[in-house]
Amino acid sequence: MGVNADTRDEPREIRVEIGELALHGFQVDAERVTDAFEHELTRLVRAHGVPLAADGALTLDTLSSLPPLPAGLSARRLGQELARVVHEGLSGHGEVTR
């Protein structure tokens, strides 16, 4: 997972690359989850930035120790909740492996 930000004044570009999202135990349309995830993560990054990248470019191997997601969510809600959890990790919550 990589995050790049040009931190002079206001960031001009933030790019989040996620190699894999593994969802075990969910019976949902993966494409709908992905679409909702990308939309919500984009919204959160635009609204709140990426605090872990405040000092410049950042590369993370893993975000772990994040809260579990409830089973039974719709694809849209699962994507939104997953984006919120990932953004929380990028905001300094959870355990980061660099």
C-alpha atoms as a PDB file:
ATOM      1  CA  MET A   1       0.000   0.000   0.000  1.00  0.00           C
ATOM      2  CA  GLY A   2       1.505   3.341  -0.927  1.00  0.00           C
ATOM      3  CA  VAL A   3       0.448   6.896  -0.265  1.00  0.00           C
ATOM      4  CA  ASN A   4       2.032   9.910  -1.938  1.00  0.00           C
ATOM      5  CA  ALA A   5       1.354  13.516  -1.059  1.00  0.00           C
ATOM      6  CA  ASP A   6       3.052  16.749  -2.034  1.00  0.00           C
ATOM      7  CA  THR A   7       2.868  18.550   1.324  1.00  0.00           C
ATOM      8  CA  ARG A   8       4.023  22.033   0.333  1.00  0.00           C
ATOM      9  CA  ASP A   9       1.072  24.242   1.281  1.00  0.00           C
ATOM     10  CA  GLU A  10      -1.832  22.021   0.198  1.00  0.00           C
ATOM     11  CA  PRO A  11      -1.259  18.553  -1.260  1.00  0.00           C
ATOM     12  CA  ARG A  12      -1.778  18.576  -5.001  1.00  0.00           C
ATOM     13  CA  GLU A  13      -1.854  14.825  -5.374  1.00  0.00           C
ATOM     14  CA  ILE A  14      -2.706  11.981  -3.104  1.00  0.00           C
ATOM     15  CA  ARG A  15      -2.492   8.510  -4.558  1.00  0.00           C
ATOM     16  CA  VAL A  16      -3.465   5.422  -2.608  1.00  0.00           C
ATOM     17  CA  GLU A  17      -2.560   2.098  -4.173  1.00  0.00           C
ATOM     18  CA  ILE A  18      -3.969  -1.028  -2.586  1.00  0.00           C
ATOM     19  CA  GLY A  19      -2.630  -4.293  -3.898  1.00  0.00           C
ATOM     20  CA  GLU A  20      -5.257  -6.551  -2.361  1.00  0.00           C
ATOM     21  CA  LEU A  21      -8.386  -6.402  -0.260  1.00  0.00           C
ATOM     22  CA  ALA A  22      -9.171  -9.859   1.098  1.00  0.00           C
ATOM     23  CA  LEU A  23     -12.793 -10.317   2.163  1.00  0.00           C
ATOM     24  CA  HIS A  24     -13.507 -13.617   3.905  1.00  0.00           C
ATOM     25  CA  GLY A  25     -16.989 -14.562   5.059  1.00  0.00           C
ATOM     26  CA  PHE A  26     -18.932 -12.081   2.925  1.00  0.00           C
ATOM     27  CA  GLN A  27     -21.398 -13.112   0.210  1.00  0.00           C
ATOM     28  CA  VAL A  28     -21.446  -9.924  -1.885  1.00  0.00           C
ATOM     29  CA  ASP A  29     -20.694  -8.706  -5.408  1.00  0.00           C
ATOM     30  CA  ALA A  30     -16.977  -7.868  -5.314  1.00  0.00           C
ATOM     31  CA  GLU A  31     -17.295  -5.253  -8.082  1.00  0.00           C
ATOM     32  CA  ARG A  32     -19.977  -3.341  -6.146  1.00  0.00           C
ATOM     33  CA  VAL A  33     -17.841  -3.516  -2.989  1.00  0.00           C
ATOM     34  CA  THR A  34     -14.860  -2.169  -4.930  1.00  0.00           C
ATOM     35  CA  ASP A  35     -16.869   0.680  -6.464  1.00  0.00           C
ATOM     36  CA  ALA A  36     -18.313   1.737  -3.095  1.00  0.00           C
ATOM     37  CA  PHE A  37     -14.880   1.396  -1.444  1.00  0.00           C
ATOM     38  CA  GLU A  38     -13.141   3.583  -4.031  1.00  0.00           C
ATOM     39  CA  HIS A  39     -15.869   6.228  -3.928  1.00  0.00           C
ATOM     40  CA  GLU A  40     -15.905   6.458  -0.118  1.00  0.00           C
ATOM     41  CA  LEU A  41     -12.110   6.359   0.293  1.00  0.00           C
ATOM     42  CA  THR A  42     -11.766   9.145  -2.299  1.00  0.00           C
ATOM     43  CA  ARG A  43     -14.344  11.207  -0.405  1.00  0.00           C
ATOM     44  CA  LEU A  44     -12.596  10.645   2.934  1.00  0.00           C
ATOM     45  CA  VAL A  45      -9.124  11.466   1.586  1.00  0.00           C
ATOM     46  CA  ARG A  46     -10.421  14.666  -0.043  1.00  0.00           C
ATOM     47  CA  ALA A  47     -12.232  15.696   3.135  1.00  0.00           C
ATOM     48  CA  HIS A  48      -9.616  14.684   5.712  1.00  0.00           C
ATOM     49  CA  GLY A  49      -6.353  13.972   3.901  1.00  0.00           C
ATOM     50  CA  VAL A  50      -3.963  11.208   4.940  1.00  0.00           C
ATOM     51  CA  PRO A  51      -2.406  12.153   8.280  1.00  0.00           C
ATOM     52  CA  LEU A  52       0.284   9.446   8.138  1.00  0.00           C
ATOM     53  CA  ALA A  53       1.587  11.043   4.913  1.00  0.00           C
ATOM     54  CA  ALA A  54       1.754  14.562   6.362  1.00  0.00           C
ATOM     55  CA  ASP A  55       5.564  14.520   6.192  1.00  0.00           C
ATOM     56  CA  GLY A  56       5.699  13.346   2.576  1.00  0.00           C
ATOM     57  CA  ALA A  57       5.486  10.113   0.611  1.00  0.00           C
ATOM     58  CA  LEU A  58       4.692   7.017   2.621  1.00  0.00           C
ATOM     59  CA  THR A  59       4.687   3.312   1.816  1.00  0.00           C
ATOM     60  CA  LEU A  60       2.937   0.802   4.053  1.00  0.00           C
ATOM     61  CA  ASP A  61       3.059  -2.952   3.671  1.00  0.00           C
ATOM     62  CA  THR A  62       0.134  -3.750   5.948  1.00  0.00           C
ATOM     63  CA  LEU A  63      -2.532  -2.072   8.035  1.00  0.00           C
ATOM     64  CA  SER A  64      -3.604  -4.407  10.827  1.00  0.00           C
ATOM     65  CA  SER A  65      -5.334  -4.377  14.222  1.00  0.00           C
ATOM     66  CA  LEU A  66      -8.263  -2.537  12.678  1.00  0.00           C
ATOM     67  CA  PRO A  67     -11.808  -3.126  13.919  1.00  0.00           C
ATOM     68  CA  PRO A  68     -13.760  -6.030  12.414  1.00  0.00           C
ATOM     69  CA  LEU A  69     -16.589  -5.367   9.990  1.00  0.00           C
ATOM     70  CA  PRO A  70     -20.024  -6.831  10.724  1.00  0.00           C
ATOM     71  CA  ALA A  71     -21.211  -9.703   8.523  1.00  0.00           C
ATOM     72  CA  GLY A  72     -24.416  -9.316   6.541  1.00  0.00           C
ATOM     73  CA  LEU A  73     -23.724  -5.867   5.084  1.00  0.00           C
ATOM     74  CA  SER A  74     -24.811  -5.041   1.544  1.00  0.00           C
ATOM     75  CA  ALA A  75     -22.033  -4.670  -1.027  1.00  0.00           C
ATOM     76  CA  ARG A  76     -22.394  -0.870  -0.929  1.00  0.00           C
ATOM     77  CA  ARG A  77     -22.311  -0.645   2.877  1.00  0.00           C
ATOM     78  CA  LEU A  78     -19.416  -3.110   3.076  1.00  0.00           C
ATOM     79  CA  GLY A  79     -17.389  -1.003   0.621  1.00  0.00           C
ATOM     80  CA  GLN A  80     -18.154   2.184   2.564  1.00  0.00           C
ATOM     81  CA  GLU A  81     -17.315   0.645   5.941  1.00  0.00           C
ATOM     82  CA  LEU A  82     -14.142  -0.919   4.581  1.00  0.00           C
ATOM     83  CA  ALA A  83     -13.049   2.483   3.216  1.00  0.00           C
ATOM     84  CA  ARG A  84     -13.679   4.069   6.619  1.00  0.00           C
ATOM     85  CA  VAL A  85     -11.614   1.388   8.354  1.00  0.00           C
ATOM     86  CA  VAL A  86      -8.748   1.791   5.857  1.00  0.00           C
ATOM     87  CA  HIS A  87      -8.862   5.581   6.214  1.00  0.00           C
ATOM     88  CA  GLU A  88      -8.738   5.188  10.012  1.00  0.00           C
ATOM     89  CA  GLY A  89      -5.589   3.110   9.513  1.00  0.00           C
ATOM     90  CA  LEU A  90      -4.120   5.804   7.266  1.00  0.00           C
ATOM     91  CA  SER A  91      -4.978   8.313   9.981  1.00  0.00           C
ATOM     92  CA  GLY A  92      -2.730   6.562  12.492  1.00  0.00           C
ATOM     93  CA  HIS A  93      -5.151   4.118  14.089  1.00  0.00           C
ATOM     94  CA  GLY A  94      -4.281   0.447  14.032  1.00  0.00           C
ATOM     95  CA  GLU A  95      -0.878  -1.151  13.541  1.00  0.00           C
ATOM     96  CA  VAL A  96       1.247  -0.156  10.541  1.00  0.00           C
ATOM     97  CA  THR A  97       3.947  -2.318   8.953  1.00  0.00           C
ATOM     98  CA  ARG A  98       6.343  -0.349   6.763  1.00  0.00           C
END
